[in-house]
Protein backbone atom coordinates (compact mmCIF):
# COMPACT_ATOMS: atom_id res chain seq x y z
CA MET A 1 97.79 107.45 100.73
CA GLN A 2 95.47 104.79 99.35
CA LEU A 3 92.26 103.62 100.99
CA GLN A 4 90.48 100.45 99.92
CA VAL A 5 86.77 101.20 99.21
CA ALA A 6 85.56 97.98 97.56
CA ARG A 7 86.12 94.56 96.36
CA ILE A 8 84.71 93.43 93.04
CA GLY A 9 82.37 90.49 92.92
CA LYS A 10 80.58 88.82 89.97
CA PRO A 11 79.40 90.55 86.71
CA HIS A 12 75.82 91.75 86.58
CA GLY A 13 74.01 91.80 83.18
CA ILE A 14 75.78 91.96 79.81
CA ARG A 15 76.95 95.58 79.77
CA GLY A 16 79.95 95.28 82.01
CA GLU A 17 78.40 96.09 85.42
CA VAL A 18 79.79 94.28 88.47
CA THR A 19 78.64 93.82 92.02
CA VAL A 20 80.96 95.07 94.65
CA GLN A 21 81.53 94.44 98.40
CA VAL A 22 81.43 97.94 99.83
CA LEU A 23 84.31 98.79 102.22
CA THR A 24 83.47 102.41 102.94
CA ASP A 25 80.88 104.17 105.06
CA ALA A 26 80.40 106.82 102.31
CA PRO A 27 79.70 104.93 99.06
CA ASP A 28 77.70 107.81 97.60
CA ASP A 29 80.77 110.00 97.90
CA ARG A 30 83.42 107.43 96.88
CA PHE A 31 81.72 106.20 93.63
CA VAL A 32 80.79 109.35 91.91
CA PRO A 33 80.80 109.08 88.11
CA GLY A 34 84.20 110.25 86.81
CA THR A 35 86.08 109.05 89.82
CA GLU A 36 89.32 107.21 89.04
CA LEU A 37 89.96 104.15 91.18
CA VAL A 38 93.24 102.47 91.72
CA VAL A 39 92.98 98.67 91.18
CA GLU A 40 94.86 95.66 92.67
CA PRO A 41 96.13 93.97 90.63
CA ALA A 42 97.43 96.97 88.77
CA SER A 43 97.19 95.21 85.46
CA ALA A 44 93.27 95.56 85.79
CA GLY A 45 93.28 99.33 86.22
CA PRO A 46 92.95 102.11 86.76
CA LEU A 47 89.10 102.16 86.39
CA THR A 48 86.87 105.17 85.97
CA VAL A 49 83.34 105.02 87.47
CA LEU A 50 80.72 105.38 84.78
CA SER A 51 77.74 104.71 87.00
CA ALA A 52 76.86 103.50 90.47
CA ARG A 53 73.42 102.18 91.50
CA TRP A 54 71.90 100.05 94.25
CA ASN A 55 70.01 96.82 93.50
CA LYS A 56 68.47 96.26 96.97
CA ASP A 57 71.43 96.00 99.21
CA ILE A 58 74.02 95.36 96.51
CA LEU A 59 75.97 98.15 94.89
CA LEU A 60 76.52 97.79 91.12
CA LEU A 61 79.33 99.70 89.39
CA ALA A 62 79.96 100.39 85.72
CA PHE A 63 83.33 101.55 84.46
CA GLU A 64 84.23 103.61 81.38
CA GLU A 65 86.90 100.94 80.43
CA ILE A 66 84.59 97.87 80.84
CA GLU A 67 81.86 97.26 78.21
CA THR A 68 81.04 93.63 78.25
CA ARG A 69 80.31 90.80 80.66
CA ASN A 70 83.47 88.93 79.65
CA GLU A 71 85.67 91.99 80.50
CA ALA A 72 83.78 92.34 83.86
CA GLU A 73 84.53 88.72 84.64
CA THR A 74 88.25 89.47 84.51
CA LEU A 75 87.83 91.89 87.41
CA ARG A 76 86.35 89.38 89.84
CA GLY A 77 88.13 89.61 93.15
CA ALA A 78 89.97 92.90 92.33
CA LYS A 79 90.33 95.47 95.04
CA LEU A 80 89.40 99.15 94.48
CA PHE A 81 91.29 102.07 96.13
CA ILE A 82 91.02 105.72 96.14
CA GLU A 83 93.94 108.14 96.42
CA THR A 84 93.50 110.57 99.33
CA GLU A 85 95.57 112.97 101.32
CA GLU A 86 92.93 113.72 103.91
CA LEU A 87 91.72 111.71 106.86
CA ASP A 88 88.36 112.06 108.44
CA GLU A 89 88.27 113.75 111.81
CA ASP A 90 86.92 110.66 113.37
CA ASP A 91 89.68 108.34 112.03
CA ASP A 92 90.81 107.33 115.54
CA GLU A 93 87.26 105.95 116.12
CA GLY A 94 87.42 103.38 113.21
CA TRP A 95 89.29 100.60 111.85
CA TYR A 96 90.46 99.51 108.32
CA GLU A 97 90.23 96.05 107.27
CA HIS A 98 93.83 95.57 106.97
CA GLU A 99 94.30 96.71 110.57
CA LEU A 100 91.97 94.04 111.80
CA VAL A 101 92.85 91.02 109.59
CA GLY A 102 95.17 88.61 111.46
CA LEU A 103 94.18 89.70 115.01
CA GLU A 104 93.15 87.00 117.51
CA ALA A 105 89.55 86.90 118.47
CA ARG A 106 89.33 86.30 122.26
CA VAL A 107 86.43 85.45 124.42
CA GLY A 108 87.77 86.34 127.96
CA SER A 109 91.31 84.95 127.85
CA GLN A 110 90.51 82.11 125.35
CA VAL A 111 91.50 82.46 121.73
CA VAL A 112 88.51 81.35 119.57
CA GLY A 113 89.89 82.24 116.18
CA LYS A 114 91.44 84.96 114.02
CA ILE A 115 89.97 87.85 112.06
CA SER A 116 90.02 87.01 108.43
CA GLY A 117 87.92 89.93 106.97
CA LEU A 118 85.53 92.76 107.55
CA ASN A 119 82.21 92.89 105.71
CA THR A 120 80.87 96.47 105.51
CA MET A 121 77.05 96.22 105.25
CA PRO A 122 74.33 98.83 104.89
CA VAL A 123 72.97 98.23 108.35
CA GLN A 124 76.02 97.08 110.41
CA ASP A 125 79.64 95.84 109.84
CA LEU A 126 80.45 92.14 110.41
CA LEU A 127 83.77 90.81 111.50
CA VAL A 128 84.75 87.47 109.83
CA VAL A 129 86.32 85.19 112.33
CA GLU A 130 87.95 81.99 111.16
CA THR A 131 87.97 79.31 113.89
CA PRO A 132 90.76 76.80 114.44
CA ASP A 133 88.78 74.15 112.59
CA GLY A 134 88.36 76.39 109.51
CA LYS A 135 84.88 77.53 110.05
CA GLU A 136 83.82 81.15 109.47
CA ILE A 137 81.80 83.03 112.14
CA LEU A 138 80.24 86.40 111.31
CA ILE A 139 80.20 88.74 114.35
CA PRO A 140 78.33 92.06 114.38
CA PHE A 141 80.99 94.79 114.80
CA VAL A 142 79.12 96.61 117.49
CA GLU A 143 80.36 97.89 120.80
CA GLN A 144 78.11 95.48 122.72
CA ILE A 145 79.64 92.46 121.15
CA VAL A 146 83.20 93.67 120.26
CA PRO A 147 83.95 96.01 123.18
CA GLU A 148 87.72 96.15 122.65
CA VAL A 149 90.01 96.22 119.60
CA ASN A 150 93.74 96.14 120.63
CA VAL A 151 95.81 96.33 117.51
CA GLU A 152 99.12 96.81 119.46
CA GLU A 153 98.65 93.54 121.44
CA GLY A 154 97.11 91.75 118.42
CA TYR A 155 93.53 90.86 119.56
CA VAL A 156 89.92 91.85 119.67
CA LEU A 157 87.76 91.05 122.68
CA VAL A 158 84.43 89.52 121.92
CA THR A 159 81.46 89.08 124.23
CA PRO A 160 79.21 86.99 121.94
CA PRO A 161 75.65 85.95 122.57
CA ALA A 162 75.29 82.49 124.03
CA GLY A 163 76.03 79.83 121.41
CA LEU A 164 77.76 82.07 118.87
CA PHE A 165 81.02 80.23 119.61
CA GLU A 166 81.09 76.62 120.90
CA ILE A 167 84.09 76.97 123.12
CA ASN A 168 84.01 73.46 124.53
CA THR A 169 84.23 71.80 121.23
CA ASP A 170 84.68 68.31 122.74
CA ASP A 171 81.23 68.54 124.26
CA SER A 172 79.50 70.25 121.31
CA THR A 173 76.78 68.36 119.45
CA ALA A 174 74.81 68.86 116.27
CA GLU A 175 72.10 70.50 118.49
CA ASP A 176 74.79 72.94 119.82
CA ALA A 177 75.82 73.82 116.26
CA GLU A 178 72.25 74.55 115.30
CA THR A 179 71.84 76.73 118.38
CA ALA A 180 74.94 78.60 117.49
CA GLY A 181 73.65 79.28 114.03
CA GLU A 182 70.43 80.62 115.40
CA ALA A 183 72.29 82.77 117.88
CA GLU A 184 74.42 84.25 115.09
CA ALA A 185 71.30 85.06 113.07
CA GLU A 186 69.54 86.68 116.12
CA ALA A 187 72.72 88.70 116.86
CA GLY A 188 72.70 90.06 113.24
CA GLU A 189 69.04 91.05 113.59
CA ALA A 190 69.24 92.43 117.13
CA GLU A 191 71.91 95.08 116.54
CA SER A 192 70.92 97.78 113.96
CA GLY A 193 73.45 100.48 114.81
CA ARG A 194 77.17 100.80 113.84
CA PRO A 195 79.73 100.90 116.64
CA GLU A 196 81.83 103.88 117.35
CA SER A 197 84.72 101.60 116.40
CA GLY A 198 83.40 100.47 113.12
CA ALA A 199 84.88 100.38 109.64
CA LYS A 200 86.14 103.53 108.01
CA ALA A 201 87.21 104.61 104.57
């Protein structure tokens, strides 16, 4: 089977390196030099890891097949996968991005948006929720804030800090929006651990 481990971002420097959004909990194991990665779209790959290094919190990858910045630019947005026949023993405790995208985000019985992505970060994972008005809200994917993921019934239950979602939008004001932004930032800083039901790859 194939597991998505990264999404390529913008080029870095002039030697063909790219930034990547990491979608695995074990990047040091997944991006070992010599590893061949399956690419979507297929026309861009496969790619063989030449080097992997961290620039602060951003992972930079170089590939044997990519030597210039112009070539690296053509990879922007491509998805990287590994071929694997093994699943981790704790697979039942985690979720892949494709399992979460499209699920309703509910606060109690009220639908507040849909999951549009999962950002795997060094400190904690973030669920990306698109609200009905097209805004994106980042929710720390920790058990205290996302206590339930129900793929079968198509929803995740969210217990956000006050102000993270403005449910009564008719009554919301600019001040409410500012408060929501502050609450979102505080939520990201307050939770430093990963949930048992975090991302996996």
